[in-house]
């Protein structure tokens, strides 16, 4: 009877120990599960932080690219405007210089006629009122041309220049030094500032 009692107590102790061990294992398992959950949560938080950081960096890169594009467009637009402004100023300056070109060109034949008239009056006395009046008007025309920056192209005995002269014909040069040069002017040429408004019609010596 005493032995049975002892055995029952041992069984109780073993059961109690087993229960304690199971409880410990269970508690350990719970702790491990909690640790896993905690790690998972921390990983999730870390991933979330990284995701937010990646989004911010991506947004920054996108904004920087947009800024570069805007700056590039601004520089191009500024360059185009500068070119337009320079071109407009040049055109305006050219227009001021040559604004009356058509009027001046149409006056040149009248100057030619006056010169022919004066040439025909060589034999007439300088006291003749007709000759004096013709010379007076001719001089006024000359002054008008000078005022408007129109000047005669120097041609006689000059080297032939295609940018200034228009060759009508060629004749044997009266002198050796006149070969390839202008020996006669059929019609005077004129320039407005630095632009030829009428080429000089000339005869070339050969």
Protein backbone atom coordinates (compact mmCIF):
# COMPACT_ATOMS: atom_id res chain seq x y z
CA UNK A 1 0.00 0.00 0.00
CA UNK A 2 2.78 2.35 0.83
CA UNK A 3 4.56 1.45 -2.39
CA UNK A 4 1.49 2.20 -4.47
CA UNK A 5 1.26 5.58 -2.80
CA UNK A 6 4.90 6.28 -3.57
CA UNK A 7 4.39 5.24 -7.21
CA UNK A 8 1.37 7.49 -7.54
CA UNK A 9 3.35 10.42 -6.16
CA UNK A 10 6.19 9.71 -8.57
CA UNK A 11 3.70 9.55 -11.42
CA UNK A 12 2.23 12.87 -10.27
CA UNK A 13 5.68 14.41 -10.09
CA UNK A 14 6.56 13.09 -13.55
CA UNK A 15 3.26 14.38 -14.93
CA UNK A 16 3.86 17.69 -13.25
CA UNK A 17 7.35 17.84 -14.72
CA UNK A 18 6.06 16.86 -18.15
CA UNK A 19 3.37 19.52 -17.90
CA UNK A 20 5.98 22.05 -16.82
CA UNK A 21 8.23 21.02 -19.72
CA UNK A 22 5.31 21.21 -22.18
CA UNK A 23 4.37 24.58 -20.76
CA UNK A 24 7.92 25.77 -21.18
CA UNK A 25 7.98 24.50 -24.76
CA UNK A 26 4.65 26.13 -25.41
CA UNK A 27 5.86 29.39 -23.91
CA UNK A 28 9.05 29.10 -25.95
CA UNK A 29 6.99 28.50 -29.06
CA UNK A 30 4.84 31.53 -28.29
CA UNK A 31 7.93 33.62 -27.75
CA UNK A 32 9.39 32.40 -31.02
CA UNK A 33 6.12 33.15 -32.85
CA UNK A 34 6.06 36.61 -31.29
CA UNK A 35 9.69 37.11 -32.31
CA UNK A 36 8.85 35.99 -35.87
CA UNK A 37 5.86 38.33 -35.96
CA UNK A 38 8.02 41.14 -34.63
CA UNK A 39 10.70 40.42 -37.24
CA UNK A 40 8.05 40.33 -39.94
CA UNK A 41 6.63 43.63 -38.76
CA UNK A 42 10.08 45.17 -38.62
CA UNK A 43 10.86 43.83 -42.12
CA UNK A 44 7.58 45.25 -43.33
CA UNK A 45 8.37 48.60 -41.73
CA UNK A 46 11.87 48.54 -43.23
CA UNK A 47 10.48 47.70 -46.66
CA UNK A 48 7.92 50.44 -46.26
CA UNK A 49 10.66 52.92 -45.36
CA UNK A 50 12.76 51.79 -48.34
CA UNK A 51 9.73 52.01 -50.61
CA UNK A 52 9.04 55.56 -49.41
CA UNK A 53 12.71 56.46 -49.86
CA UNK A 54 12.76 54.97 -53.37
CA UNK A 55 9.61 56.91 -54.26
CA UNK A 56 11.15 60.14 -52.96
CA UNK A 57 14.37 59.54 -54.90
CA UNK A 58 12.39 58.68 -58.02
CA UNK A 59 10.33 61.86 -57.62
CA UNK A 60 13.50 63.95 -57.10
CA UNK A 61 15.05 62.48 -60.26
CA UNK A 62 11.86 63.18 -62.19
CA UNK A 63 11.75 66.79 -60.99
CA UNK A 64 15.45 67.25 -61.79
CA UNK A 65 14.83 65.95 -65.33
CA UNK A 66 11.89 68.34 -65.73
CA UNK A 67 14.07 71.21 -64.48
CA UNK A 68 16.82 70.34 -66.98
CA UNK A 69 14.26 70.26 -69.81
CA UNK A 70 12.83 73.63 -68.77
CA UNK A 71 16.32 75.16 -68.55
CA UNK A 72 17.21 73.76 -71.99
CA UNK A 73 14.00 75.15 -73.50
CA UNK A 74 14.65 78.52 -71.84
CA UNK A 75 18.20 78.71 -73.23
CA UNK A 76 17.00 77.76 -76.72
CA UNK A 77 14.20 80.31 -76.59
CA UNK A 78 16.59 83.01 -75.37
CA UNK A 79 19.07 82.19 -78.18
CA UNK A 80 16.28 82.30 -80.77
CA UNK A 81 15.06 85.63 -79.43
CA UNK A 82 18.59 87.09 -79.49
CA UNK A 83 19.00 85.95 -83.11
CA UNK A 84 15.61 87.42 -84.01
CA UNK A 85 16.46 90.71 -82.29
CA UNK A 86 19.85 90.99 -84.04
CA UNK A 87 18.30 90.10 -87.40
CA UNK A 88 15.52 92.66 -86.92
CA UNK A 89 18.00 95.39 -85.95
CA UNK A 90 20.15 94.59 -89.00
CA UNK A 91 17.13 94.65 -91.30
CA UNK A 92 16.03 97.95 -89.77
CA UNK A 93 19.50 99.44 -90.22
CA UNK A 94 19.62 98.22 -93.84
CA UNK A 95 16.17 99.64 -94.45
CA UNK A 96 17.25 103.03 -93.09
CA UNK A 97 20.35 102.95 -95.29
CA UNK A 98 18.58 101.88 -98.47
CA UNK A 99 15.04 103.04 -97.76
CA UNK A 100 15.00 105.54 -100.65
CA UNK A 101 16.93 103.31 -103.05
CA UNK A 102 14.16 103.03 -105.66
CA UNK A 103 13.67 106.82 -105.70
CA UNK A 104 17.41 107.45 -106.04
CA UNK A 105 17.77 104.87 -108.81
CA UNK A 106 14.96 106.56 -110.76
CA UNK A 107 16.71 109.93 -110.42
CA UNK A 108 19.96 108.66 -112.02
CA UNK A 109 18.65 108.82 -115.64
CA UNK A 110 17.75 112.48 -115.03
CA UNK A 111 21.35 113.10 -113.91
CA UNK A 112 22.50 111.40 -117.14
CA UNK A 113 20.28 113.70 -119.18
CA UNK A 114 21.64 116.79 -117.38
CA UNK A 115 25.21 115.68 -118.06
CA UNK A 116 24.45 115.20 -121.76
CA UNK A 117 22.79 118.63 -121.82
CA UNK A 118 25.83 120.25 -120.14
CA UNK A 119 28.12 118.45 -122.60
CA UNK A 120 26.14 119.91 -125.51
CA UNK A 121 26.45 123.40 -124.01
CA UNK A 122 30.26 123.42 -124.03
CA UNK A 123 30.35 125.85 -126.93
CA UNK A 124 27.78 128.15 -125.33
CA UNK A 125 29.02 131.15 -123.37
CA UNK A 126 29.12 130.84 -119.59
CA UNK A 127 27.04 134.00 -119.39
CA UNK A 128 24.13 132.28 -121.12
CA UNK A 129 21.19 132.10 -118.71
CA UNK A 130 20.04 128.72 -120.10
CA UNK A 131 23.48 127.21 -119.45
CA UNK A 132 23.63 128.77 -116.00
CA UNK A 133 20.16 127.46 -115.09
CA UNK A 134 21.03 123.93 -116.31
CA UNK A 135 24.27 123.93 -114.29
CA UNK A 136 22.43 125.19 -111.22
CA UNK A 137 19.84 122.41 -111.35
CA UNK A 138 22.53 119.80 -112.08
CA UNK A 139 24.58 120.96 -109.05
CA UNK A 140 21.50 120.72 -106.84
CA UNK A 141 20.95 117.15 -108.01
CA UNK A 142 24.57 116.32 -107.25
CA UNK A 143 24.24 117.79 -103.75
CA UNK A 144 21.04 115.80 -103.24
CA UNK A 145 22.83 112.56 -104.17
CA UNK A 146 25.75 113.31 -101.83
CA UNK A 147 23.36 114.09 -98.98
CA UNK A 148 21.77 110.67 -99.48
CA UNK A 149 25.17 108.89 -99.52
CA UNK A 150 25.09 108.21 -103.26
CA UNK A 151 28.52 108.38 -104.86
CA UNK A 152 29.81 107.82 -108.38
CA UNK A 153 31.82 104.65 -109.07
CA UNK A 154 35.34 105.55 -110.11
CA UNK A 155 35.90 103.63 -113.36
CA UNK A 156 38.11 105.35 -115.95
CA UNK A 157 41.63 103.84 -116.13
CA UNK A 158 40.77 101.48 -113.25
CA UNK A 159 41.19 97.69 -113.31
CA UNK A 160 38.03 96.00 -114.53
CA UNK A 161 36.00 94.83 -111.51
CA UNK A 162 32.93 92.64 -112.08
CA UNK A 163 31.53 93.81 -108.71
CA UNK A 164 31.48 97.42 -109.93
CA UNK A 165 31.66 97.44 -113.72
CA UNK A 166 29.64 96.01 -116.59
CA UNK A 167 31.71 95.49 -119.77
CA UNK A 168 29.92 96.60 -122.94
CA UNK A 169 32.73 95.85 -125.36
CA UNK A 170 36.50 95.54 -125.77
CA UNK A 171 38.79 97.62 -127.93
CA UNK A 172 42.56 97.63 -128.51
CA UNK A 173 44.17 99.48 -125.62
CA UNK A 174 45.53 102.87 -126.71
CA UNK A 175 48.42 102.35 -124.32
CA UNK A 176 50.14 99.21 -123.06
CA UNK A 177 49.39 100.09 -119.44
CA UNK A 178 45.63 100.26 -120.17
CA UNK A 179 45.32 96.58 -121.11
CA UNK A 180 42.63 94.98 -118.90
CA UNK A 181 41.62 98.42 -117.66
CA UNK A 182 38.62 100.66 -118.31
CA UNK A 183 39.37 102.95 -121.27
CA UNK A 184 35.93 104.56 -121.60
CA UNK A 185 32.71 104.94 -119.59
CA UNK A 186 29.44 104.64 -121.53
CA UNK A 187 27.22 105.16 -118.48
CA UNK A 188 28.29 106.16 -114.99
CA UNK A 189 27.74 103.76 -112.11
CA UNK A 190 26.62 104.69 -108.60
CA UNK A 191 26.74 103.25 -105.09
CA UNK A 192 24.38 103.84 -102.18
CA UNK A 193 26.52 103.53 -99.05
CA UNK A 194 28.41 100.30 -99.86
CA UNK A 195 25.80 98.83 -102.21
CA UNK A 196 25.94 99.16 -106.00
CA UNK A 197 22.64 100.56 -107.23
CA UNK A 198 23.82 100.85 -110.86
CA UNK A 199 26.87 99.24 -112.45
CA UNK A 200 29.16 101.40 -114.54
CA UNK A 201 28.90 100.44 -118.22
CA UNK A 202 32.44 100.48 -119.54
CA UNK A 203 34.74 99.66 -122.45
CA UNK A 204 37.75 97.46 -121.69
CA UNK A 205 41.17 97.77 -123.33
CA UNK A 206 42.87 94.62 -124.61
